[in-house]
Amino acid sequence: MSINLGKVLFFLGLAFIALGLIFIWGAETSCSWAESNIVRVAVITDATQIELTIRSPYQILALNTNEELYKGRRLWRAKVAPGESGIKIGKDDFKIYGVRIQPEKSPAIYLDGRKFRGTIDIVRQPDKRLLVVNRLDVEEYICGVLYHEVAPWWPMEALKAQAIAARSFALYQSRVNAHKDYDLESSVYSQVYGGRTSERGRTSKAVRLSKNKVLTYKNKLFPTFYHATCAGHTEKASNLWNINLPPLRGRECQFCQRSPHSRWKKKVSLQDIEEGLEKAGFKVGSIKSIEIADRNVSGRITALEIISTRGGLRVDANRFRLAVGPNIIRSTNFTVQIKNRQAYFDGQGWGHGVGMCQWGAFFMARKGFNAGQILGYYYPESKLKDFSEDYETF
């Protein structure tokens, strides 16, 4: 039998490409745990209609009472909308303010095309819009977070550090928000979460390798904030929020100098800045100048002085950043010049700067530091422990 060497080399090449992709992205791995530490994630907060698919036998239960309202074998692309006195799912109108969709198997729920583990609560809001909350085990939740926060090809120790920080943050939020409708949002203001659709092999492996590990300070959970790039010094949490703990007091960081986000430039029209500030509640006229009023020891601006046709206005730098857009003004460490009704920003870093610098963690892992050492560096005086239900919060 003759062998076609060209074909052999071709298929060998495909095999090596496949192996390379598996190395980078990770083979498909399970990220399923028995429910033990439940978190509630608001995946949709303000909708007039959603599309729901359930690929498993399921029950529809009344919230709070768990009374069974309906059960079925499958639900194919049903429209969900708020009714006058309840929630309409497909053709069925449930005269109740909220329902729980509980599938027999997980993951089986699709919301607007995204796949989710666990159960979902659908709540009719007073303004006749929908709130959708995904309830699932914290480990499964973290599997759906990591892909949005770090790249699957990052060093495993950096992925593990991120998994521990995200888990600690989630469990902290689940306690301080226990009296609310949900613990976390799926946004940059909380932790970006994409459900089962966002799981990847290497990030799920990092979750498994760090399972149940959390950061504590004096045997209490604290909010383990993190950000993309600090550009030289992490920020003191008390400069932004009413939090003053040793693990969040900021420290020098020389590890993220080669981050792709170390420097940034942005041109923004003064009209866009004026509109953003107005929406945020500031009374500002036509802007004439933007001056830096104060900087802190980390190099970040604490306040800006804005001169407009309405006079002078002192604005907190972080509120200014959020008003204009956190992905436009990437940090509060910048200079600004105005020319021809355009503001030219030249800045450093990306994010609020508190807690772990993610790109710093990346380069620390590249240098051989493990997850515990990375977390110890960015959260001084913290302790890495197994999670306990007995832990209180600050």
Protein backbone atom coordinates (compact mmCIF):
# COMPACT_ATOMS: atom_id res chain seq x y z
CA MET A 1 0.00 0.00 0.00
CA SER A 2 1.49 3.34 -1.00
CA ILE A 3 1.54 6.28 1.39
CA ASN A 4 0.87 9.81 0.24
CA LEU A 5 3.49 11.75 2.24
CA GLY A 6 1.82 15.08 1.48
CA LYS A 7 -1.48 13.95 3.00
CA VAL A 8 0.28 12.51 6.03
CA LEU A 9 2.07 15.80 6.67
CA PHE A 10 -1.18 17.72 6.12
CA PHE A 11 -3.09 15.70 8.71
CA LEU A 12 -0.15 15.82 11.13
CA GLY A 13 -0.24 19.59 10.78
CA LEU A 14 -3.95 19.64 11.59
CA ALA A 15 -3.31 17.45 14.62
CA PHE A 16 -0.62 19.82 15.94
CA ILE A 17 -2.96 22.80 15.43
CA ALA A 18 -5.69 21.00 17.35
CA LEU A 19 -3.29 20.19 20.17
CA GLY A 20 -2.17 23.80 20.26
CA LEU A 21 -5.76 25.02 20.53
CA ILE A 22 -6.42 22.56 23.33
CA PHE A 23 -3.32 23.84 25.15
CA ILE A 24 -4.43 27.46 24.78
CA TRP A 25 -8.18 27.11 25.33
CA GLY A 26 -8.29 23.85 27.26
CA ALA A 27 -10.20 20.71 26.42
CA GLU A 28 -13.90 20.66 27.26
CA THR A 29 -14.16 20.04 30.98
CA SER A 30 -17.01 19.77 33.44
CA CYS A 31 -17.79 22.71 35.68
CA SER A 32 -20.69 21.20 37.58
CA TRP A 33 -21.01 21.08 41.36
CA ALA A 34 -23.72 20.07 43.78
CA GLU A 35 -25.41 23.23 45.01
CA SER A 36 -23.81 24.26 48.29
CA ASN A 37 -22.96 27.99 48.26
CA ILE A 38 -25.60 29.66 46.13
CA VAL A 39 -25.12 33.08 44.56
CA ARG A 40 -27.82 35.11 42.81
CA VAL A 41 -26.75 36.93 39.67
CA ALA A 42 -28.90 39.50 37.88
CA VAL A 43 -28.34 38.57 34.24
CA ILE A 44 -31.15 40.80 32.87
CA THR A 45 -32.27 43.86 34.83
CA ASP A 46 -34.51 45.96 32.61
CA ALA A 47 -36.28 44.07 29.81
CA THR A 48 -39.73 44.28 28.30
CA GLN A 49 -39.35 40.83 26.74
CA ILE A 50 -36.90 37.93 26.76
CA GLU A 51 -36.58 34.69 24.81
CA LEU A 52 -36.54 31.53 26.92
CA THR A 53 -35.65 27.96 25.91
CA ILE A 54 -35.52 24.98 28.31
CA ARG A 55 -33.97 21.77 26.99
CA SER A 56 -34.97 19.49 29.86
CA PRO A 57 -38.09 18.54 31.81
CA TYR A 58 -38.83 21.52 34.06
CA GLN A 59 -41.10 23.04 36.67
CA ILE A 60 -42.40 26.57 37.02
CA LEU A 61 -42.70 27.45 40.71
CA ALA A 62 -44.13 30.45 42.52
CA LEU A 63 -41.41 32.55 44.11
CA ASN A 64 -41.32 32.50 47.91
CA THR A 65 -43.89 29.68 48.28
CA ASN A 66 -42.37 27.13 45.84
CA GLU A 67 -45.91 26.14 44.79
CA GLU A 68 -45.82 24.27 41.48
CA LEU A 69 -47.63 26.29 38.82
CA TYR A 70 -46.76 24.27 35.75
CA LYS A 71 -44.47 21.53 34.50
CA GLY A 72 -43.41 20.45 31.02
CA ARG A 73 -40.91 18.38 29.06
CA ARG A 74 -39.35 21.09 26.88
CA LEU A 75 -39.87 24.75 26.08
CA TRP A 76 -38.79 25.96 22.67
CA ARG A 77 -38.04 29.65 22.19
CA ALA A 78 -40.93 31.00 24.22
CA LYS A 79 -41.40 34.74 24.60
CA VAL A 80 -41.53 36.01 28.18
CA ALA A 81 -43.15 39.36 28.93
CA PRO A 82 -44.70 41.11 31.93
CA GLY A 83 -48.49 41.05 31.98
CA GLU A 84 -50.92 43.33 33.76
CA SER A 85 -50.93 41.15 36.88
CA GLY A 86 -48.13 38.68 36.36
CA ILE A 87 -45.74 37.07 33.88
CA LYS A 88 -46.59 35.59 30.51
CA ILE A 89 -44.39 32.71 29.31
CA GLY A 90 -45.27 31.67 25.80
CA LYS A 91 -49.06 31.31 25.79
CA ASP A 92 -49.41 30.89 29.56
CA ASP A 93 -50.09 33.85 31.83
CA PHE A 94 -49.14 33.31 35.48
CA LYS A 95 -50.98 35.76 37.71
CA ILE A 96 -48.05 36.21 40.05
CA TYR A 97 -45.24 38.72 40.46
CA GLY A 98 -42.41 36.19 40.11
CA VAL A 99 -41.68 32.62 39.02
CA ARG A 100 -38.77 30.22 39.33
CA ILE A 101 -37.76 28.05 36.35
CA GLN A 102 -36.31 24.83 37.72
CA PRO A 103 -35.00 22.34 35.13
CA GLU A 104 -34.52 18.68 35.93
CA LYS A 105 -31.03 18.81 34.42
CA SER A 106 -28.41 21.54 34.35
CA PRO A 107 -27.36 23.33 32.22
CA ALA A 108 -30.62 23.44 30.30
CA ILE A 109 -31.78 27.07 30.26
CA TYR A 110 -31.19 29.49 27.40
CA LEU A 111 -31.92 33.21 27.82
CA ASP A 112 -31.72 35.28 24.65
CA GLY A 113 -29.43 32.61 23.20
CA ARG A 114 -27.06 32.30 26.19
CA LYS A 115 -26.87 29.01 28.12
CA PHE A 116 -27.07 28.99 31.92
CA ARG A 117 -26.60 26.51 34.72
CA GLY A 118 -28.80 26.34 37.81
CA THR A 119 -32.25 27.89 38.04
CA ILE A 120 -33.62 31.30 37.09
CA ASP A 121 -36.05 33.62 38.80
CA ILE A 122 -38.13 35.94 36.64
CA VAL A 123 -39.59 38.90 38.52
CA ARG A 124 -42.12 41.44 37.28
CA GLN A 125 -40.96 44.89 38.37
CA PRO A 126 -43.30 47.73 39.41
CA ASP A 127 -42.59 49.50 36.11
CA LYS A 128 -43.76 46.36 34.22
CA ARG A 129 -40.27 45.37 33.19
CA LEU A 130 -38.44 42.12 33.88
CA LEU A 131 -35.65 41.24 36.28
CA VAL A 132 -34.02 37.84 35.63
CA VAL A 133 -31.80 36.30 38.31
CA ASN A 134 -29.66 33.19 37.80
CA ARG A 135 -29.26 31.08 40.98
CA LEU A 136 -26.33 28.66 40.95
CA ASP A 137 -23.40 27.32 42.95
CA VAL A 138 -20.56 29.82 43.37
CA GLU A 139 -18.05 27.47 41.68
CA GLU A 140 -20.24 27.23 38.58
CA TYR A 141 -20.67 30.98 38.67
CA ILE A 142 -16.89 31.59 38.74
CA CYS A 143 -16.51 29.28 35.70
CA GLY A 144 -18.74 31.73 33.80
CA VAL A 145 -16.80 34.78 35.04
CA LEU A 146 -13.13 34.02 34.35
CA TYR A 147 -13.31 34.10 30.55
CA HIS A 148 -14.55 37.71 30.73
CA GLU A 149 -11.95 38.83 33.24
CA VAL A 150 -8.75 37.15 31.97
CA ALA A 151 -7.66 35.27 28.86
CA PRO A 152 -7.77 31.43 28.97
CA TRP A 153 -4.17 31.28 27.70
CA TRP A 154 -2.79 33.14 30.72
CA PRO A 155 -0.46 31.23 33.11
CA MET A 156 -2.42 28.85 35.34
CA GLU A 157 -1.25 30.52 38.56
CA ALA A 158 -2.64 33.85 37.34
CA LEU A 159 -5.94 32.14 36.43
CA LYS A 160 -6.09 30.55 39.89
CA ALA A 161 -5.42 33.91 41.56
CA GLN A 162 -8.25 35.44 39.53
CA ALA A 163 -10.59 32.57 40.43
CA ILE A 164 -9.89 33.05 44.16
CA ALA A 165 -10.37 36.82 43.98
CA ALA A 166 -13.62 36.43 42.03
CA ARG A 167 -14.92 33.73 44.41
CA SER A 168 -14.08 35.82 47.48
CA PHE A 169 -15.80 38.86 45.97
CA ALA A 170 -18.91 36.84 45.08
CA LEU A 171 -19.26 35.23 48.52
CA TYR A 172 -18.72 38.60 50.19
CA GLN A 173 -21.49 40.12 48.05
CA SER A 174 -23.83 37.19 48.74
CA ARG A 175 -23.69 38.08 52.43
CA VAL A 176 -23.93 41.86 52.31
CA ASN A 177 -26.79 41.71 49.75
CA ALA A 178 -28.76 38.87 51.33
CA HIS A 179 -31.77 41.16 51.89
CA LYS A 180 -31.87 42.28 48.23
CA ASP A 181 -33.29 40.62 45.11
CA TYR A 182 -29.81 39.56 43.94
CA ASP A 183 -26.19 39.49 45.07
CA LEU A 184 -24.30 40.50 41.92
CA GLU A 185 -24.90 42.01 38.51
CA SER A 186 -23.38 40.78 35.29
CA SER A 187 -21.54 43.98 34.41
CA VAL A 188 -18.22 45.79 34.74
CA TYR A 189 -19.61 47.40 37.90
CA SER A 190 -19.74 43.97 39.57
CA GLN A 191 -18.27 40.92 37.77
CA VAL A 192 -18.96 40.20 34.11
CA TYR A 193 -20.69 36.82 33.87
CA GLY A 194 -21.68 34.95 30.70
CA GLY A 195 -23.14 31.69 32.03
CA ARG A 196 -22.31 28.27 30.60
CA THR A 197 -21.69 29.89 27.20
CA SER A 198 -18.56 31.59 28.59
CA GLU A 199 -16.89 28.53 30.13
CA ARG A 200 -13.52 27.40 28.78
CA GLY A 201 -11.39 24.40 29.67
CA ARG A 202 -8.37 26.15 31.21
CA THR A 203 -10.44 28.68 33.18
CA SER A 204 -12.67 25.88 34.50
CA LYS A 205 -9.54 23.97 35.46
CA ALA A 206 -8.33 26.99 37.44
CA VAL A 207 -11.65 27.03 39.30
CA ARG A 208 -11.32 23.33 40.15
CA LEU A 209 -7.68 23.68 41.26
CA SER A 210 -8.61 26.53 43.61
CA LYS A 211 -11.99 25.15 44.69
CA ASN A 212 -13.39 26.63 47.91
CA LYS A 213 -10.36 28.91 48.45
CA VAL A 214 -11.09 32.47 49.58
CA LEU A 215 -9.17 35.45 50.92
CA THR A 216 -9.87 36.66 54.45
CA TYR A 217 -8.63 39.35 56.78
CA LYS A 218 -8.89 38.60 60.50
CA ASN A 219 -11.12 35.62 59.62
CA LYS A 220 -13.63 37.82 57.81
CA LEU A 221 -14.48 38.15 54.13
CA PHE A 222 -13.68 41.46 52.48
CA PRO A 223 -14.41 42.82 48.98
CA THR A 224 -11.50 41.58 46.86
CA PHE A 225 -11.61 44.26 44.18
CA TYR A 226 -9.41 43.94 41.12
CA HIS A 227 -8.73 45.85 37.91
CA ALA A 228 -6.89 45.48 34.60
CA THR A 229 -3.73 47.59 35.05
CA CYS A 230 -2.60 49.85 37.89
CA ALA A 231 0.34 51.39 35.95
CA GLY A 232 2.71 51.53 38.91
CA HIS A 233 0.67 51.80 42.11
CA THR A 234 -2.62 50.29 43.24
CA GLU A 235 -5.22 52.60 44.75
CA LYS A 236 -6.33 52.95 48.36
CA ALA A 237 -9.95 51.78 48.59
CA SER A 238 -10.90 54.54 51.03
CA ASN A 239 -10.15 57.10 48.30
CA LEU A 240 -13.17 55.72 46.42
CA TRP A 241 -15.43 53.99 48.92
CA ASN A 242 -16.10 53.78 52.65
CA ILE A 243 -13.62 50.91 53.09
CA ASN A 244 -10.37 51.17 55.02
CA LEU A 245 -8.66 47.78 55.40
CA PRO A 246 -4.92 46.90 55.23
CA PRO A 247 -5.41 44.52 52.24
CA LEU A 248 -6.94 47.40 50.26
CA ARG A 249 -4.65 50.30 51.16
CA GLY A 250 -2.68 50.23 47.90
CA ARG A 251 0.92 49.40 47.15
CA GLU A 252 3.63 49.93 44.56
CA CYS A 253 3.52 47.61 41.55
CA GLN A 254 6.35 47.24 39.05
CA PHE A 255 4.99 44.11 37.42
CA CYS A 256 2.51 45.62 34.94
CA GLN A 257 4.89 47.95 33.09
CA ARG A 258 4.56 45.86 29.90
CA SER A 259 0.77 45.66 30.07
CA PRO A 260 -0.97 46.68 26.82
CA HIS A 261 -3.01 49.08 28.98
CA SER A 262 -0.11 50.89 30.65
CA ARG A 263 -0.71 53.97 28.48
CA TRP A 264 -3.77 55.22 26.64
CA LYS A 265 -4.91 58.25 24.71
CA LYS A 266 -8.44 59.42 23.96
CA LYS A 267 -10.06 62.35 22.19
CA VAL A 268 -13.54 63.24 23.50
CA SER A 269 -15.73 66.10 22.35
CA LEU A 270 -16.69 68.60 25.04
CA GLN A 271 -20.32 68.13 24.00
CA ASP A 272 -20.11 64.42 24.93
CA ILE A 273 -18.51 65.31 28.27
CA GLU A 274 -21.20 67.93 28.96
CA GLU A 275 -23.98 65.46 28.15
CA GLY A 276 -22.41 62.74 30.32
CA LEU A 277 -22.07 65.09 33.29
CA GLU A 278 -25.65 66.33 32.88
CA LYS A 279 -26.96 62.74 32.90
CA ALA A 280 -24.93 62.11 36.05
CA GLY A 281 -26.66 65.02 37.77
CA PHE A 282 -24.09 67.79 37.37
CA LYS A 283 -25.21 71.24 36.30
CA VAL A 284 -22.67 72.25 33.70
CA GLY A 285 -22.89 74.66 30.83
CA SER A 286 -20.56 74.98 27.85
CA ILE A 287 -17.16 73.82 29.13
CA LYS A 288 -14.25 76.24 28.80
CA SER A 289 -11.54 74.37 30.71
CA ILE A 290 -10.86 71.20 32.71
CA GLU A 291 -8.13 71.53 35.32
CA ILE A 292 -6.64 68.91 37.67
CA ALA A 293 -7.36 70.00 41.24
CA ASP A 294 -5.66 67.24 43.25
CA ARG A 295 -3.72 63.98 42.90
CA ASN A 296 -3.07 61.36 45.57
CA VAL A 297 0.06 59.30 46.34
CA SER A 298 -0.84 56.69 43.70
CA GLY A 299 -0.73 59.39 41.01
CA ARG A 300 -4.47 59.30 40.41
CA ILE A 301 -6.57 62.44 40.23
CA THR A 302 -8.97 62.92 43.14
CA ALA A 303 -10.80 66.02 41.85
CA LEU A 304 -11.18 68.14 38.73
CA GLU A 305 -12.07 71.81 38.43
CA ILE A 306 -14.39 72.41 35.47
CA ILE A 307 -14.99 75.98 34.28
CA SER A 308 -18.08 76.46 32.12
CA THR A 309 -20.56 79.18 31.19
CA ARG A 310 -22.29 78.37 34.50
CA GLY A 311 -19.15 79.07 36.50
CA GLY A 312 -16.76 76.77 38.36
CA LEU A 313 -17.58 73.19 39.33
CA ARG A 314 -15.45 70.82 41.40
CA VAL A 315 -16.05 67.19 40.35
CA ASP A 316 -14.83 63.98 41.99
CA ALA A 317 -12.48 62.35 39.47
CA ASN A 318 -14.02 58.89 39.73
CA ARG A 319 -17.53 60.30 39.21
CA PHE A 320 -16.21 62.20 36.21
CA ARG A 321 -14.75 59.00 34.76
CA LEU A 322 -17.98 57.06 35.22
CA ALA A 323 -20.06 59.90 33.80
CA VAL A 324 -18.00 60.14 30.61
CA GLY A 325 -17.60 56.35 30.39
CA PRO A 326 -15.18 53.97 32.18
CA ASN A 327 -14.05 52.46 28.87
CA ILE A 328 -13.43 55.94 27.43
CA ILE A 329 -11.62 57.46 30.41
CA ARG A 330 -9.82 54.26 31.40
CA SER A 331 -8.46 55.51 34.71
CA THR A 332 -8.21 58.67 36.79
CA ASN A 333 -4.47 58.89 36.17
CA PHE A 334 -4.33 61.26 33.19
CA THR A 335 -3.54 64.71 31.87
CA VAL A 336 -6.00 66.65 29.72
CA GLN A 337 -5.78 69.45 27.19
CA ILE A 338 -8.62 71.24 25.38
CA LYS A 339 -8.42 72.44 21.80
CA ASN A 340 -11.24 73.34 19.37
CA ARG A 341 -13.98 71.91 21.62
CA GLN A 342 -12.11 68.61 21.95
CA ALA A 343 -10.54 67.20 25.12
CA TYR A 344 -7.34 65.22 24.62
CA PHE A 345 -6.64 62.75 27.42
CA ASP A 346 -3.26 61.07 27.94
CA GLY A 347 -3.53 58.44 30.66
CA GLN A 348 -2.05 55.43 32.40
CA GLY A 349 -3.67 52.18 33.55
CA TRP A 350 -7.18 50.79 33.22
CA GLY A 351 -9.71 50.49 36.03
CA HIS A 352 -10.31 51.89 39.50
CA GLY A 353 -6.91 50.61 40.63
CA VAL A 354 -8.02 48.94 43.90
CA GLY A 355 -6.84 45.44 44.83
CA MET A 356 -5.24 43.01 42.40
CA CYS A 357 -3.69 44.35 39.21
CA GLN A 358 -4.63 41.64 36.70
CA TRP A 359 -1.78 42.30 34.27
CA GLY A 360 0.57 42.52 37.23
CA ALA A 361 -0.65 39.06 38.26
CA PHE A 362 0.00 37.85 34.70
CA PHE A 363 3.63 38.97 34.75
CA MET A 364 4.14 37.73 38.33
CA ALA A 365 2.99 34.27 37.22
CA ARG A 366 5.35 34.47 34.25
CA LYS A 367 8.17 35.11 36.73
CA GLY A 368 7.30 31.99 38.73
CA PHE A 369 5.10 33.34 41.53
CA ASN A 370 2.21 31.09 42.53
CA ALA A 371 -1.40 32.14 43.11
CA GLY A 372 -0.97 32.50 46.87
CA GLN A 373 2.07 34.73 46.46
CA ILE A 374 0.31 36.88 43.87
CA LEU A 375 -2.71 37.38 46.12
CA GLY A 376 -0.51 38.03 49.15
CA TYR A 377 1.30 40.76 47.24
CA TYR A 378 -1.81 42.63 46.08
CA TYR A 379 -3.85 42.07 49.27
CA PRO A 380 -1.28 42.57 52.08
CA GLU A 381 -2.08 40.91 55.44
CA SER A 382 -4.80 38.74 53.89
CA LYS A 383 -4.95 34.99 54.47
CA LEU A 384 -5.82 32.27 51.96
CA LYS A 385 -8.27 29.82 53.54
CA ASP A 386 -10.99 27.29 52.78
CA PHE A 387 -14.39 28.95 52.77
CA SER A 388 -16.56 28.48 55.85
CA GLU A 389 -20.22 29.42 56.33
CA ASP A 390 -19.12 30.89 59.68
CA TYR A 391 -17.14 33.71 58.06
CA GLU A 392 -18.53 37.17 58.71
CA THR A 393 -17.91 40.23 56.54
CA PHE A 394 -16.43 43.68 57.06
